[in-house]
Amino acid sequence: MTQPILGIDIAKLKFNACLIHLNGKLKHKVFPNTATGFDQLKEWFSKLGVERVHACLEATGTYGEALSLFLHRAGHTVSIINPAAIKAFAGSRLSRTKTDRVDAELIARFCQAQAPPAWTPLPQEVRELQALVRRLEALIELRVMEETRLSSGITVEMVRESVEALLAHLNLQIKRTEELIRTHIETHPTLKQQSQLLDSIPGIAETTAALLLSEITDITQDRSARQVAAYAGLVPRERQSGSSVRGRTRLSKIGNARAAACALLSGHHCSAVQ
C-alpha cells in the first residue's frame, strides 16, 4: 500500500468514509453527499495530514458520480467497484454485520487487498449523451405506464382527460429528447462517426445506437465482440466442479444492464464498429 485507502459507502443524502492510514490505523467519518460535504472531506484530509488517497466506492447509480468526479479532479486515485465483488469479498471474510460504517470499512479492506484499477471519468460529451439517453428511457417508461392505465378503461371522465393530457405532454418531451440526442451526436465528430457505423448494422436504429454509445462508451477500445459481451454481462457462466457438480450454463449477468438489454434486443454483435 503506497497511499492511504479510503473506503466509501455512498447513499443519496450522505456517505460514510473509512480511511486506512499507511500505519494501518482507521479513521471513520460521515459527510453529507453534497458539494459542502465534499469540501468537508477535503478539510478532513488536511487535518489528518493526507495528501492523496486511493478511494473506492461501489457502482450504485448516480449517487456517487459527483463525489467520484470531485476526488478525481483533486488528484486522488478513484476505483468504482461492482457491488457483487464487494459482496463476495464480505462472504470470504465471513462478515455478518451490515451497517454503513462496516460497509465503508469493508470497501476499504477490499481496496487494500485487491488494488483495483483506477477509474477514468467519461468524456463530457459522453456523460451528456448518457444523461439524455437515460432521460429518454424514463420518459418512455412513464408513457407506457400511462398508456396501460388508459387502456385498462377509465370510467371517470376527468381522470381520463388528465391521463390523455399527460400522454400528449410525454409524447412532446420524448420527441424533443430524441431531437436533443440526435443533435448532440451530430455536433461531436467521434460520436457521429461511431453512430454512423452502428447505424450501418441491420437491425440497429438511431435509439439503439445512441444507447450503445452512451453505455459502451468506446466500443473501438474493445479488441473483440467477446469483450463487449463481457462488459454487458452476456458471457456464459459455467457451474462445474469435480464429478458431481454439473450445473446449467447461464449468462453471468455481471455487467452493464442497459447495454445487455440493448444487445439482446438488437441481436447483433458490436464488433462491426471496429
C-alpha atoms as a PDB file:
ATOM      1  CA  MET A   1       0.000   0.000   0.000  1.00  0.00           C
ATOM      2  CA  THR A   2       1.705   3.161  -1.244  1.00  0.00           C
ATOM      3  CA  GLN A   3      -1.018   5.616  -0.234  1.00  0.00           C
ATOM      4  CA  PRO A   4      -3.841   5.718   2.307  1.00  0.00           C
ATOM      5  CA  ILE A   5      -7.014   3.856   1.364  1.00  0.00           C
ATOM      6  CA  LEU A   6     -10.441   5.467   1.509  1.00  0.00           C
ATOM      7  CA  GLY A   7     -13.499   3.209   1.530  1.00  0.00           C
ATOM      8  CA  ILE A   8     -16.766   4.999   0.802  1.00  0.00           C
ATOM      9  CA  ASP A   9     -20.260   3.701   1.435  1.00  0.00           C
ATOM     10  CA  ILE A  10     -22.401   6.034  -0.638  1.00  0.00           C
ATOM     11  CA  ALA A  11     -26.075   6.871  -0.189  1.00  0.00           C
ATOM     12  CA  LYS A  12     -28.431   9.510  -1.543  1.00  0.00           C
ATOM     13  CA  LEU A  13     -28.016  12.029   1.285  1.00  0.00           C
ATOM     14  CA  LYS A  14     -24.708  11.064   2.898  1.00  0.00           C
ATOM     15  CA  PHE A  15     -21.626   8.918   2.623  1.00  0.00           C
ATOM     16  CA  ASN A  16     -19.607   7.048   5.216  1.00  0.00           C
ATOM     17  CA  ALA A  17     -15.845   7.234   4.812  1.00  0.00           C
ATOM     18  CA  CYS A  18     -13.282   4.849   6.270  1.00  0.00           C
ATOM     19  CA  LEU A  19      -9.643   5.878   5.933  1.00  0.00           C
ATOM     20  CA  ILE A  20      -6.855   3.326   6.364  1.00  0.00           C
ATOM     21  CA  HIS A  21      -3.603   5.148   7.127  1.00  0.00           C
ATOM     22  CA  LEU A  22      -0.260   3.817   5.940  1.00  0.00           C
ATOM     23  CA  ASN A  23       0.348   2.718   9.550  1.00  0.00           C
ATOM     24  CA  GLY A  24      -2.861   0.646   9.458  1.00  0.00           C
ATOM     25  CA  LYS A  25      -4.924   2.861  11.759  1.00  0.00           C
ATOM     26  CA  LEU A  26      -8.553   3.513  10.855  1.00  0.00           C
ATOM     27  CA  LYS A  27     -10.495   6.755  10.830  1.00  0.00           C
ATOM     28  CA  HIS A  28     -14.258   6.978  10.239  1.00  0.00           C
ATOM     29  CA  LYS A  29     -16.408   9.980   9.412  1.00  0.00           C
ATOM     30  CA  VAL A  30     -19.808  10.720   7.850  1.00  0.00           C
ATOM     31  CA  PHE A  31     -20.335  13.544   5.363  1.00  0.00           C
ATOM     32  CA  PRO A  32     -23.368  14.936   3.513  1.00  0.00           C
ATOM     33  CA  ASN A  33     -23.446  13.865  -0.126  1.00  0.00           C
ATOM     34  CA  THR A  34     -23.281  17.475  -1.337  1.00  0.00           C
ATOM     35  CA  ALA A  35     -20.663  19.961  -2.507  1.00  0.00           C
ATOM     36  CA  THR A  36     -20.403  21.129   1.118  1.00  0.00           C
ATOM     37  CA  GLY A  37     -19.747  17.556   2.205  1.00  0.00           C
ATOM     38  CA  PHE A  38     -17.010  17.204  -0.397  1.00  0.00           C
ATOM     39  CA  ASP A  39     -15.303  20.328   0.960  1.00  0.00           C
ATOM     40  CA  GLN A  40     -15.593  18.886   4.472  1.00  0.00           C
ATOM     41  CA  LEU A  41     -13.915  15.698   3.218  1.00  0.00           C
ATOM     42  CA  LYS A  42     -11.071  17.799   1.808  1.00  0.00           C
ATOM     43  CA  GLU A  43     -10.683  19.580   5.166  1.00  0.00           C
ATOM     44  CA  TRP A  44     -10.689  16.206   6.957  1.00  0.00           C
ATOM     45  CA  PHE A  45      -7.805  15.065   4.764  1.00  0.00           C
ATOM     46  CA  SER A  46      -5.877  18.226   5.629  1.00  0.00           C
ATOM     47  CA  LYS A  47      -6.399  17.742   9.382  1.00  0.00           C
ATOM     48  CA  LEU A  48      -5.165  14.144   9.086  1.00  0.00           C
ATOM     49  CA  GLY A  49      -2.151  15.176   7.016  1.00  0.00           C
ATOM     50  CA  VAL A  50      -3.335  13.189   3.994  1.00  0.00           C
ATOM     51  CA  GLU A  51      -2.473  14.482   0.523  1.00  0.00           C
ATOM     52  CA  ARG A  52      -3.515  11.634  -1.787  1.00  0.00           C
ATOM     53  CA  VAL A  53      -5.697   8.575  -1.275  1.00  0.00           C
ATOM     54  CA  HIS A  54      -6.867   5.568  -3.248  1.00  0.00           C
ATOM     55  CA  ALA A  55     -10.630   5.935  -2.904  1.00  0.00           C
ATOM     56  CA  CYS A  56     -13.017   3.054  -3.588  1.00  0.00           C
ATOM     57  CA  LEU A  57     -16.786   3.080  -3.809  1.00  0.00           C
ATOM     58  CA  GLU A  58     -19.440   0.820  -5.270  1.00  0.00           C
ATOM     59  CA  ALA A  59     -21.119   1.457  -8.601  1.00  0.00           C
ATOM     60  CA  THR A  60     -24.540   2.448  -7.273  1.00  0.00           C
ATOM     61  CA  GLY A  61     -26.248   4.504  -9.946  1.00  0.00           C
ATOM     62  CA  THR A  62     -25.865   8.266  -9.837  1.00  0.00           C
ATOM     63  CA  TYR A  63     -25.318   8.734  -6.084  1.00  0.00           C
ATOM     64  CA  GLY A  64     -21.536   8.559  -6.323  1.00  0.00           C
ATOM     65  CA  GLU A  65     -20.945  10.353  -9.620  1.00  0.00           C
ATOM     66  CA  ALA A  66     -20.345  13.847  -8.225  1.00  0.00           C
ATOM     67  CA  LEU A  67     -18.079  12.596  -5.427  1.00  0.00           C
ATOM     68  CA  SER A  68     -16.063  10.428  -7.830  1.00  0.00           C
ATOM     69  CA  LEU A  69     -15.501  13.411 -10.138  1.00  0.00           C
ATOM     70  CA  PHE A  70     -14.553  15.628  -7.176  1.00  0.00           C
ATOM     71  CA  LEU A  71     -11.940  13.145  -5.938  1.00  0.00           C
ATOM     72  CA  HIS A  72     -10.545  12.501  -9.417  1.00  0.00           C
ATOM     73  CA  ARG A  73     -10.191  16.201 -10.169  1.00  0.00           C
ATOM     74  CA  ALA A  74      -8.447  16.698  -6.821  1.00  0.00           C
ATOM     75  CA  GLY A  75      -5.750  14.243  -7.933  1.00  0.00           C
ATOM     76  CA  HIS A  76      -6.831  11.183  -5.951  1.00  0.00           C
ATOM     77  CA  THR A  77      -6.953   7.667  -7.388  1.00  0.00           C
ATOM     78  CA  VAL A  78     -10.561   6.510  -7.660  1.00  0.00           C
ATOM     79  CA  SER A  79     -11.852   2.972  -8.216  1.00  0.00           C
ATOM     80  CA  ILE A  80     -15.512   2.156  -8.806  1.00  0.00           C
ATOM     81  CA  ILE A  81     -16.305  -1.422  -7.852  1.00  0.00           C
ATOM     82  CA  ASN A  82     -19.070  -3.807  -8.897  1.00  0.00           C
ATOM     83  CA  PRO A  83     -21.210  -4.385  -5.757  1.00  0.00           C
ATOM     84  CA  ALA A  84     -21.106  -8.137  -6.486  1.00  0.00           C
ATOM     85  CA  ALA A  85     -17.334  -8.104  -5.917  1.00  0.00           C
ATOM     86  CA  ILE A  86     -17.767  -6.383  -2.536  1.00  0.00           C
ATOM     87  CA  LYS A  87     -20.474  -8.876  -1.582  1.00  0.00           C
ATOM     88  CA  ALA A  88     -18.211 -11.799  -2.473  1.00  0.00           C
ATOM     89  CA  PHE A  89     -15.354 -10.230  -0.506  1.00  0.00           C
ATOM     90  CA  ALA A  90     -17.643  -9.848   2.516  1.00  0.00           C
ATOM     91  CA  GLY A  91     -18.548 -13.525   2.226  1.00  0.00           C
ATOM     92  CA  SER A  92     -14.899 -14.530   2.122  1.00  0.00           C
ATOM     93  CA  ARG A  93     -14.346 -12.654   5.386  1.00  0.00           C
ATOM     94  CA  LEU A  94     -17.442 -14.276   6.970  1.00  0.00           C
ATOM     95  CA  SER A  95     -18.808 -10.787   7.600  1.00  0.00           C
ATOM     96  CA  ARG A  96     -22.205 -10.952   9.330  1.00  0.00           C
ATOM     97  CA  THR A  97     -22.712  -7.328  10.364  1.00  0.00           C
ATOM     98  CA  LYS A  98     -24.034  -4.824   7.842  1.00  0.00           C
ATOM     99  CA  THR A  99     -24.086  -1.127   8.684  1.00  0.00           C
ATOM    100  CA  ASP A 100     -22.939   1.898   6.707  1.00  0.00           C
ATOM    101  CA  ARG A 101     -19.834   2.150   8.900  1.00  0.00           C
ATOM    102  CA  VAL A 102     -19.000  -1.538   8.493  1.00  0.00           C
ATOM    103  CA  ASP A 103     -19.620  -1.369   4.729  1.00  0.00           C
ATOM    104  CA  ALA A 104     -17.248   1.587   4.367  1.00  0.00           C
ATOM    105  CA  GLU A 105     -14.500  -0.356   6.136  1.00  0.00           C
ATOM    106  CA  LEU A 106     -15.261  -3.461   4.061  1.00  0.00           C
ATOM    107  CA  ILE A 107     -14.857  -1.462   0.846  1.00  0.00           C
ATOM    108  CA  ALA A 108     -11.583  -0.027   2.166  1.00  0.00           C
ATOM    109  CA  ARG A 109     -10.319  -3.531   3.032  1.00  0.00           C
ATOM    110  CA  PHE A 110     -11.284  -4.745  -0.433  1.00  0.00           C
ATOM    111  CA  CYS A 111      -9.351  -1.875  -1.992  1.00  0.00           C
ATOM    112  CA  GLN A 112      -6.348  -2.594   0.223  1.00  0.00           C
ATOM    113  CA  ALA A 113      -6.344  -6.300  -0.634  1.00  0.00           C
ATOM    114  CA  GLN A 114      -7.235  -6.169  -4.337  1.00  0.00           C
ATOM    115  CA  ALA A 115      -5.723  -2.856  -5.504  1.00  0.00           C
ATOM    116  CA  PRO A 116      -8.454  -2.387  -8.165  1.00  0.00           C
ATOM    117  CA  PRO A 117      -7.667  -0.377 -11.307  1.00  0.00           C
ATOM    118  CA  ALA A 118      -8.146   3.362 -11.396  1.00  0.00           C
ATOM    119  CA  TRP A 119     -11.367   4.767 -12.824  1.00  0.00           C
ATOM    120  CA  THR A 120     -11.313   7.439 -15.504  1.00  0.00           C
ATOM    121  CA  PRO A 121     -14.322   9.747 -15.910  1.00  0.00           C
ATOM    122  CA  LEU A 122     -16.225   9.624 -19.149  1.00  0.00           C
ATOM    123  CA  PRO A 123     -15.644  12.496 -21.565  1.00  0.00           C
ATOM    124  CA  GLN A 124     -18.102  15.340 -21.060  1.00  0.00           C
ATOM    125  CA  GLU A 125     -19.904  14.666 -24.339  1.00  0.00           C
ATOM    126  CA  VAL A 126     -20.455  11.014 -23.394  1.00  0.00           C
ATOM    127  CA  ARG A 127     -21.738  11.939 -19.915  1.00  0.00           C
ATOM    128  CA  GLU A 128     -24.205  14.326 -21.519  1.00  0.00           C
ATOM    129  CA  LEU A 129     -25.297  11.690 -24.054  1.00  0.00           C
ATOM    130  CA  GLN A 130     -25.746   9.149 -21.275  1.00  0.00           C
ATOM    131  CA  ALA A 131     -27.905  11.575 -19.293  1.00  0.00           C
ATOM    132  CA  LEU A 132     -30.062  12.312 -22.347  1.00  0.00           C
ATOM    133  CA  VAL A 133     -30.488   8.625 -23.224  1.00  0.00           C
ATOM    134  CA  ARG A 134     -31.424   7.717 -19.663  1.00  0.00           C
ATOM    135  CA  ARG A 135     -33.905  10.589 -19.572  1.00  0.00           C
ATOM    136  CA  LEU A 136     -35.458   9.271 -22.772  1.00  0.00           C
ATOM    137  CA  GLU A 137     -35.756   5.807 -21.197  1.00  0.00           C
ATOM    138  CA  ALA A 138     -37.513   7.290 -18.163  1.00  0.00           C
ATOM    139  CA  LEU A 139     -39.965   9.252 -20.331  1.00  0.00           C
ATOM    140  CA  ILE A 140     -40.810   6.194 -22.417  1.00  0.00           C
ATOM    141  CA  GLU A 141     -41.344   4.145 -19.273  1.00  0.00           C
ATOM    142  CA  LEU A 142     -43.744   6.782 -17.951  1.00  0.00           C
ATOM    143  CA  ARG A 143     -45.621   6.809 -21.261  1.00  0.00           C
ATOM    144  CA  VAL A 144     -46.039   3.021 -21.197  1.00  0.00           C
ATOM    145  CA  MET A 145     -47.464   3.246 -17.669  1.00  0.00           C
ATOM    146  CA  GLU A 146     -49.982   5.915 -18.666  1.00  0.00           C
ATOM    147  CA  GLU A 147     -50.929   4.083 -21.863  1.00  0.00           C
ATOM    148  CA  THR A 148     -51.577   0.940 -19.811  1.00  0.00           C
ATOM    149  CA  ARG A 149     -53.700   2.943 -17.391  1.00  0.00           C
ATOM    150  CA  LEU A 150     -55.705   4.440 -20.259  1.00  0.00           C
ATOM    151  CA  SER A 151     -56.233   1.098 -21.986  1.00  0.00           C
ATOM    152  CA  SER A 152     -57.461  -0.501 -18.754  1.00  0.00           C
ATOM    153  CA  GLY A 153     -60.674   1.506 -19.030  1.00  0.00           C
ATOM    154  CA  ILE A 154     -61.011   4.729 -17.061  1.00  0.00           C
ATOM    155  CA  THR A 155     -64.618   5.428 -16.157  1.00  0.00           C
ATOM    156  CA  VAL A 156     -64.158   8.892 -14.638  1.00  0.00           C
ATOM    157  CA  GLU A 157     -64.012  11.475 -17.426  1.00  0.00           C
ATOM    158  CA  MET A 158     -61.808  13.951 -15.527  1.00  0.00           C
ATOM    159  CA  VAL A 159     -59.216  11.254 -14.821  1.00  0.00           C
ATOM    160  CA  ARG A 160     -59.230  10.102 -18.448  1.00  0.00           C
ATOM    161  CA  GLU A 161     -58.687  13.676 -19.643  1.00  0.00           C
ATOM    162  CA  SER A 162     -55.798  14.050 -17.183  1.00  0.00           C
ATOM    163  CA  VAL A 163     -54.145  10.878 -18.473  1.00  0.00           C
ATOM    164  CA  GLU A 164     -54.619  11.926 -22.100  1.00  0.00           C
ATOM    165  CA  ALA A 165     -53.136  15.368 -21.360  1.00  0.00           C
ATOM    166  CA  LEU A 166     -50.132  13.804 -19.653  1.00  0.00           C
ATOM    167  CA  LEU A 167     -49.636  11.407 -22.571  1.00  0.00           C
ATOM    168  CA  ALA A 168     -49.661  14.329 -25.002  1.00  0.00           C
ATOM    169  CA  HIS A 169     -47.045  16.110 -22.877  1.00  0.00           C
ATOM    170  CA  LEU A 170     -44.906  12.958 -22.632  1.00  0.00           C
ATOM    171  CA  ASN A 171     -45.032  12.485 -26.408  1.00  0.00           C
ATOM    172  CA  LEU A 172     -43.763  16.039 -26.881  1.00  0.00           C
ATOM    173  CA  GLN A 173     -40.977  15.534 -24.331  1.00  0.00           C
ATOM    174  CA  ILE A 174     -39.949  12.234 -25.915  1.00  0.00           C
ATOM    175  CA  LYS A 175     -39.801  13.831 -29.359  1.00  0.00           C
ATOM    176  CA  ARG A 176     -37.785  16.774 -28.009  1.00  0.00           C
ATOM    177  CA  THR A 177     -35.351  14.488 -26.146  1.00  0.00           C
ATOM    178  CA  GLU A 178     -34.845  12.365 -29.281  1.00  0.00           C
ATOM    179  CA  GLU A 179     -34.041  15.559 -31.199  1.00  0.00           C
ATOM    180  CA  LEU A 180     -31.580  16.632 -28.467  1.00  0.00           C
ATOM    181  CA  ILE A 181     -29.837  13.240 -28.675  1.00  0.00           C
ATOM    182  CA  ARG A 182     -29.643  13.441 -32.462  1.00  0.00           C
ATOM    183  CA  THR A 183     -28.254  16.993 -32.353  1.00  0.00           C
ATOM    184  CA  HIS A 184     -25.761  16.083 -29.616  1.00  0.00           C
ATOM    185  CA  ILE A 185     -24.358  13.185 -31.635  1.00  0.00           C
ATOM    186  CA  GLU A 186     -24.202  15.290 -34.805  1.00  0.00           C
ATOM    187  CA  THR A 187     -22.170  18.026 -33.080  1.00  0.00           C
ATOM    188  CA  HIS A 188     -19.471  15.658 -31.741  1.00  0.00           C
ATOM    189  CA  PRO A 189     -17.382  14.079 -34.548  1.00  0.00           C
ATOM    190  CA  THR A 190     -16.356  10.917 -32.670  1.00  0.00           C
ATOM    191  CA  LEU A 191     -19.902  10.146 -31.542  1.00  0.00           C
ATOM    192  CA  LYS A 192     -21.186  10.906 -35.043  1.00  0.00           C
ATOM    193  CA  GLN A 193     -18.699   8.541 -36.677  1.00  0.00           C
ATOM    194  CA  GLN A 194     -19.421   5.696 -34.268  1.00  0.00           C
ATOM    195  CA  SER A 195     -23.162   6.265 -34.592  1.00  0.00           C
ATOM    196  CA  GLN A 196     -22.935   6.039 -38.386  1.00  0.00           C
ATOM    197  CA  LEU A 197     -21.035   2.762 -38.120  1.00  0.00           C
ATOM    198  CA  LEU A 198     -23.604   1.344 -35.709  1.00  0.00           C
ATOM    199  CA  ASP A 199     -26.467   2.520 -37.937  1.00  0.00           C
ATOM    200  CA  SER A 200     -24.940   0.528 -40.792  1.00  0.00           C
ATOM    201  CA  ILE A 201     -25.632  -2.724 -38.901  1.00  0.00           C
ATOM    202  CA  PRO A 202     -29.032  -4.175 -39.907  1.00  0.00           C
ATOM    203  CA  GLY A 203     -31.486  -4.028 -37.005  1.00  0.00           C
ATOM    204  CA  ILE A 204     -29.783  -1.199 -35.107  1.00  0.00           C
ATOM    205  CA  ALA A 205     -31.707   2.067 -35.311  1.00  0.00           C
ATOM    206  CA  GLU A 206     -30.830   5.544 -34.016  1.00  0.00           C
ATOM    207  CA  THR A 207     -32.152   4.969 -30.493  1.00  0.00           C
ATOM    208  CA  THR A 208     -30.300   1.680 -30.089  1.00  0.00           C
ATOM    209  CA  ALA A 209     -27.102   3.222 -31.444  1.00  0.00           C
ATOM    210  CA  ALA A 210     -27.358   6.121 -29.000  1.00  0.00           C
ATOM    211  CA  LEU A 211     -27.887   3.727 -26.093  1.00  0.00           C
ATOM    212  CA  LEU A 212     -24.848   1.663 -27.090  1.00  0.00           C
ATOM    213  CA  LEU A 213     -22.702   4.787 -27.454  1.00  0.00           C
ATOM    214  CA  SER A 214     -23.749   6.052 -24.030  1.00  0.00           C
ATOM    215  CA  GLU A 215     -23.273   2.761 -22.149  1.00  0.00           C
ATOM    216  CA  ILE A 216     -20.394   1.100 -24.032  1.00  0.00           C
ATOM    217  CA  THR A 217     -18.519   4.347 -24.078  1.00  0.00           C
ATOM    218  CA  ASP A 218     -15.844   3.481 -26.659  1.00  0.00           C
ATOM    219  CA  ILE A 219     -16.523   0.249 -28.464  1.00  0.00           C
ATOM    220  CA  THR A 220     -13.336   0.643 -30.501  1.00  0.00           C
ATOM    221  CA  GLN A 221     -11.273   0.101 -27.320  1.00  0.00           C
ATOM    222  CA  ASP A 222     -12.547  -3.485 -27.084  1.00  0.00           C
ATOM    223  CA  ARG A 223     -10.484  -5.906 -29.109  1.00  0.00           C
ATOM    224  CA  SER A 224     -13.265  -8.418 -29.678  1.00  0.00           C
ATOM    225  CA  ALA A 225     -17.036  -8.900 -29.583  1.00  0.00           C
ATOM    226  CA  ARG A 226     -16.499 -11.157 -26.556  1.00  0.00           C
ATOM    227  CA  GLN A 227     -15.057  -8.251 -24.572  1.00  0.00           C
ATOM    228  CA  VAL A 228     -18.131  -6.141 -25.339  1.00  0.00           C
ATOM    229  CA  ALA A 229     -20.357  -9.084 -24.378  1.00  0.00           C
ATOM    230  CA  ALA A 230     -18.471  -9.491 -21.101  1.00  0.00           C
ATOM    231  CA  TYR A 231     -18.954  -5.808 -20.305  1.00  0.00           C
ATOM    232  CA  ALA A 232     -22.692  -6.286 -20.804  1.00  0.00           C
ATOM    233  CA  GLY A 233     -22.732  -9.479 -18.715  1.00  0.00           C
ATOM    234  CA  LEU A 234     -23.722 -11.651 -21.681  1.00  0.00           C
ATOM    235  CA  VAL A 235     -20.993 -14.292 -21.497  1.00  0.00           C
ATOM    236  CA  PRO A 236     -21.633 -17.855 -20.247  1.00  0.00           C
ATOM    237  CA  ARG A 237     -21.050 -18.681 -16.613  1.00  0.00           C
ATOM    238  CA  GLU A 238     -20.239 -22.350 -16.056  1.00  0.00           C
ATOM    239  CA  ARG A 239     -21.024 -24.323 -12.896  1.00  0.00           C
ATOM    240  CA  GLN A 240     -18.850 -27.413 -12.857  1.00  0.00           C
ATOM    241  CA  SER A 241     -16.725 -28.960 -10.135  1.00  0.00           C
ATOM    242  CA  GLY A 242     -15.371 -32.497  -9.819  1.00  0.00           C
ATOM    243  CA  SER A 243     -17.671 -35.278 -10.944  1.00  0.00           C
ATOM    244  CA  SER A 244     -20.804 -34.307  -9.017  1.00  0.00           C
ATOM    245  CA  VAL A 245     -21.475 -30.643  -9.838  1.00  0.00           C
ATOM    246  CA  ARG A 246     -22.862 -30.165 -13.344  1.00  0.00           C
ATOM    247  CA  GLY A 247     -24.967 -27.015 -13.265  1.00  0.00           C
ATOM    248  CA  ARG A 248     -26.574 -25.455 -16.306  1.00  0.00           C
ATOM    249  CA  THR A 249     -24.525 -22.823 -18.108  1.00  0.00           C
ATOM    250  CA  ARG A 250     -26.168 -19.416 -17.718  1.00  0.00           C
ATOM    251  CA  LEU A 251     -25.397 -15.813 -18.588  1.00  0.00           C
ATOM    252  CA  SER A 252     -23.231 -14.222 -15.908  1.00  0.00           C
ATOM    253  CA  LYS A 253     -25.361 -11.004 -15.770  1.00  0.00           C
ATOM    254  CA  ILE A 254     -22.420  -9.283 -14.061  1.00  0.00           C
ATOM    255  CA  GLY A 255     -22.182  -6.221 -16.240  1.00  0.00           C
ATOM    256  CA  ASN A 256     -23.980  -3.178 -17.583  1.00  0.00           C
ATOM    257  CA  ALA A 257     -27.710  -3.990 -17.515  1.00  0.00           C
ATOM    258  CA  ARG A 258     -28.646  -1.258 -20.010  1.00  0.00           C
ATOM    259  CA  ALA A 259     -26.023  -2.427 -22.502  1.00  0.00           C
ATOM    260  CA  ALA A 260     -27.163  -6.017 -22.005  1.00  0.00           C
ATOM    261  CA  ALA A 261     -30.805  -5.168 -22.698  1.00  0.00           C
ATOM    262  CA  CYS A 262     -29.813  -3.239 -25.796  1.00  0.00           C
ATOM    263  CA  ALA A 263     -27.635  -6.074 -27.091  1.00  0.00           C
ATOM    264  CA  LEU A 264     -30.355  -8.657 -26.510  1.00  0.00           C
ATOM    265  CA  LEU A 265     -32.962  -6.534 -28.284  1.00  0.00           C
ATOM    266  CA  SER A 266     -30.775  -5.775 -31.281  1.00  0.00           C
ATOM    267  CA  GLY A 267     -29.457  -9.336 -31.517  1.00  0.00           C
ATOM    268  CA  HIS A 268     -26.162  -8.185 -33.048  1.00  0.00           C
ATOM    269  CA  HIS A 269     -22.523  -8.061 -32.027  1.00  0.00           C
ATOM    270  CA  CYS A 270     -20.966  -4.624 -31.633  1.00  0.00           C
ATOM    271  CA  SER A 271     -17.624  -5.669 -33.136  1.00  0.00           C
ATOM    272  CA  ALA A 272     -18.734  -4.355 -36.534  1.00  0.00           C
ATOM    273  CA  VAL A 273     -17.822  -0.817 -35.466  1.00  0.00           C
ATOM    274  CA  GLN A 274     -14.145  -1.671 -35.162  1.00  0.00           C
END
